Structures are given as structure tokens and as C-alpha cells.
């Protein structure tokens, strides 16, 4: 790796990863993978499933 790339990687490691970004990435990953398997999957279905899972985990 070049020294510039090493600096960028280190900066990325130190950057905070807010929960809102984590949630958006999780949903995007789930949508992309589910859509490959089933073309009828919608973004709304992913959001609904994510909200349901979060509620279940919060209840524990």
C-alpha cells in the first residue's frame, strides 16, 4: 500500500461509526442480498423486518 492509502485506512479506523450509519448499512446489505434471491423483496419489507427485530431485541 502507498503511504497515502495507509493514512486513509488509519483515518477510517479512527472515525466514529454512528448508529444511524450502521443501521443504513445493515438495511442496505440485507436488501441487496435478499433482492438477489427474490426479486419481489422491497425496501419497505427490509425496514419492517429490521424494526421488528430491533423491537424484539429491546424487549429482552
C-alpha atoms as a PDB file:
ATOM      1  CA  UNK A   1       0.000   0.000   0.000  1.00  0.00           C
ATOM      2  CA  UNK A   2       1.092   3.524  -0.627  1.00  0.00           C
ATOM      3  CA  UNK A   3       1.654   5.832   2.318  1.00  0.00           C
ATOM      4  CA  UNK A   4      -1.390   7.891   1.287  1.00  0.00           C
ATOM      5  CA  UNK A   5      -3.604   4.815   1.279  1.00  0.00           C
ATOM      6  CA  UNK A   6      -2.257   3.758   4.680  1.00  0.00           C
ATOM      7  CA  UNK A   7      -3.120   7.212   6.057  1.00  0.00           C
ATOM      8  CA  UNK A   8      -6.652   6.968   4.679  1.00  0.00           C
ATOM      9  CA  UNK A   9      -7.172   3.494   6.127  1.00  0.00           C
ATOM     10  CA  UNK A  10      -5.966   4.654   9.537  1.00  0.00           C
ATOM     11  CA  UNK A  11      -8.240   7.703   9.408  1.00  0.00           C
ATOM     12  CA  UNK A  12     -11.195   5.449   8.569  1.00  0.00           C
ATOM     13  CA  UNK A  13     -10.384   3.187  11.523  1.00  0.00           C
ATOM     14  CA  UNK A  14     -10.471   6.123  13.938  1.00  0.00           C
ATOM     15  CA  UNK A  15     -13.677   7.632  12.544  1.00  0.00           C
ATOM     16  CA  UNK A  16     -16.756   7.054  14.706  1.00  0.00           C
ATOM     17  CA  UNK A  17     -19.433   4.849  13.154  1.00  0.00           C
ATOM     18  CA  UNK A  18     -22.783   6.322  14.237  1.00  0.00           C
ATOM     19  CA  UNK A  19     -25.726   4.010  14.854  1.00  0.00           C
ATOM     20  CA  UNK A  20     -27.682   5.706  12.050  1.00  0.00           C
ATOM     21  CA  UNK A  21     -24.974   4.797   9.518  1.00  0.00           C
ATOM     22  CA  UNK A  22     -24.712   1.276  10.927  1.00  0.00           C
ATOM     23  CA  UNK A  23     -28.477   0.852  10.529  1.00  0.00           C
ATOM     24  CA  UNK A  24     -28.414   2.169   6.955  1.00  0.00           C
ATOM     25  CA  UNK A  25     -25.570  -0.194   6.034  1.00  0.00           C
ATOM     26  CA  UNK A  26     -27.287  -3.159   7.692  1.00  0.00           C
ATOM     27  CA  UNK A  27     -30.515  -2.484   5.803  1.00  0.00           C
ATOM     28  CA  UNK A  28     -28.716  -1.930   2.515  1.00  0.00           C
ATOM     29  CA  UNK A  29     -26.787  -5.179   2.921  1.00  0.00           C
ATOM     30  CA  UNK A  30     -29.966  -7.101   3.786  1.00  0.00           C
ATOM     31  CA  UNK A  31     -31.850  -5.586   0.859  1.00  0.00           C
ATOM     32  CA  UNK A  32     -29.113  -6.310  -1.648  1.00  0.00           C
ATOM     33  CA  UNK A  33     -28.751  -9.915  -0.582  1.00  0.00           C
ATOM     34  CA  UNK A  34     -32.482 -10.585  -0.299  1.00  0.00           C
ATOM     35  CA  UNK A  35     -33.165  -8.965  -3.677  1.00  0.00           C
ATOM     36  CA  UNK A  36     -30.719 -11.350  -5.350  1.00  0.00           C
ATOM     37  CA  UNK A  37     -32.691 -14.299  -4.004  1.00  0.00           C
ATOM     38  CA  UNK A  38     -36.184 -12.867  -4.509  1.00  0.00           C
ATOM     39  CA  UNK A  39     -36.915 -10.025  -6.917  1.00  0.00           C
ATOM     40  CA  UNK A  40     -40.191  -9.249  -5.117  1.00  0.00           C
ATOM     41  CA  UNK A  41     -38.404  -8.075  -1.957  1.00  0.00           C
ATOM     42  CA  UNK A  42     -38.934  -4.357  -1.358  1.00  0.00           C
ATOM     43  CA  UNK A  43     -37.061  -1.797   0.703  1.00  0.00           C
ATOM     44  CA  UNK A  44     -40.183  -1.406   2.855  1.00  0.00           C
ATOM     45  CA  UNK A  45     -40.084  -5.125   3.689  1.00  0.00           C
ATOM     46  CA  UNK A  46     -36.481  -4.784   4.867  1.00  0.00           C
ATOM     47  CA  UNK A  47     -37.280  -1.732   7.008  1.00  0.00           C
ATOM     48  CA  UNK A  48     -40.278  -3.506   8.534  1.00  0.00           C
ATOM     49  CA  UNK A  49     -38.246  -6.622   9.342  1.00  0.00           C
ATOM     50  CA  UNK A  50     -35.430  -4.538  10.819  1.00  0.00           C
ATOM     51  CA  UNK A  51     -37.846  -2.593  13.039  1.00  0.00           C
ATOM     52  CA  UNK A  52     -39.447  -5.837  14.193  1.00  0.00           C
ATOM     53  CA  UNK A  53     -36.068  -7.381  15.074  1.00  0.00           C
ATOM     54  CA  UNK A  54     -34.973  -4.217  16.921  1.00  0.00           C
ATOM     55  CA  UNK A  55     -38.219  -4.243  18.953  1.00  0.00           C
ATOM     56  CA  UNK A  56     -37.767  -7.915  19.827  1.00  0.00           C
ATOM     57  CA  UNK A  57     -34.179  -7.326  20.949  1.00  0.00           C
ATOM     58  CA  UNK A  58     -35.192  -4.300  23.018  1.00  0.00           C
ATOM     59  CA  UNK A  59     -37.876  -6.368  24.783  1.00  0.00           C
ATOM     60  CA  UNK A  60     -35.263  -8.861  26.030  1.00  0.00           C
END
